[in-house]
Protein backbone atom coordinates (compact mmCIF):
# COMPACT_ATOMS: atom_id res chain seq x y z
CA MET A 1 48.99 -13.20 17.28
CA LYS A 2 52.65 -13.71 16.47
CA ALA A 3 55.09 -16.61 16.63
CA LYS A 4 58.79 -17.10 15.91
CA VAL A 5 59.94 -20.03 13.77
CA LYS A 6 62.46 -22.30 15.59
CA THR A 7 63.60 -24.36 12.58
CA ARG A 8 63.09 -24.32 8.81
CA LEU A 9 59.43 -25.12 8.45
CA ASN A 10 57.05 -25.92 5.60
CA LEU A 11 54.17 -23.52 5.05
CA ARG A 12 51.33 -25.64 3.66
CA LYS A 13 48.07 -25.00 1.82
CA GLN A 14 46.07 -27.13 4.28
CA PRO A 15 46.64 -28.21 7.90
CA ASN A 16 48.15 -31.64 7.19
CA ARG A 17 51.56 -33.09 6.35
CA GLU A 18 50.41 -34.27 2.92
CA ALA A 19 49.28 -30.80 1.72
CA ASP A 20 51.27 -28.91 -0.91
CA VAL A 21 54.10 -26.72 0.39
CA ILE A 22 53.66 -23.02 -0.44
CA ARG A 23 57.12 -21.98 0.75
CA ILE A 24 59.69 -22.60 3.48
CA LEU A 25 59.58 -20.48 6.64
CA GLU A 26 63.09 -19.60 7.83
CA VAL A 27 64.59 -19.80 11.35
CA ASP A 28 63.76 -16.71 13.47
CA GLU A 29 61.09 -15.55 10.99
CA ILE A 30 58.19 -13.84 12.76
CA ILE A 31 54.81 -15.02 11.51
CA ASP A 32 51.28 -13.69 12.08
CA TYR A 33 48.57 -16.24 12.77
CA THR A 34 44.86 -16.02 13.38
CA SER A 35 44.08 -19.35 15.02
CA GLU A 36 45.40 -22.69 16.24
CA LYS A 37 43.71 -26.07 15.84
CA ASP A 38 45.00 -29.62 16.28
CA GLY A 39 48.62 -28.46 16.49
CA TRP A 40 48.48 -26.26 13.37
CA LEU A 41 48.68 -22.46 13.13
CA LYS A 42 46.64 -20.67 10.47
CA LEU A 43 48.80 -17.87 9.08
CA LYS A 44 47.61 -14.62 7.56
CA GLY A 45 49.07 -11.95 5.31
CA ARG A 46 51.70 -12.69 2.67
CA SER A 47 52.36 -16.02 4.42
CA ALA A 48 48.76 -17.25 4.32
CA GLY A 49 48.67 -20.99 4.94
CA TYR A 50 49.34 -23.46 7.77
CA CYS A 51 52.37 -24.56 9.77
CA MET A 52 52.92 -26.87 12.72
CA LYS A 53 52.87 -25.08 16.06
CA GLU A 54 55.46 -27.36 17.72
CA TYR A 55 58.20 -25.72 15.62
CA THR A 56 57.36 -22.18 16.76
CA ASP A 57 57.50 -20.09 19.93
CA ASN A 58 54.89 -17.50 20.84
CA VAL A 59 56.00 -13.88 20.65
CA LYS A 60 54.29 -11.12 22.62
CA ASP A 61 52.67 -8.66 20.24
CA PRO A 62 53.56 -5.11 21.34
CA GLU A 63 50.07 -3.97 20.29
CA GLU A 64 48.42 -6.22 22.90
């Protein structure tokens, strides 16, 4: 599944606000995620980690 980042967003090691930040996701960046739980998206690929879903919009994957 894919999502588009709406605002600069922390990519974290774990799904909580206290977890270490891996990097910053930029506005309009398209991210790939595998699951959603408790308001957090689990990202895959080079951006493996977690980000808060409320700061993203779903994007239709052309392969679906």
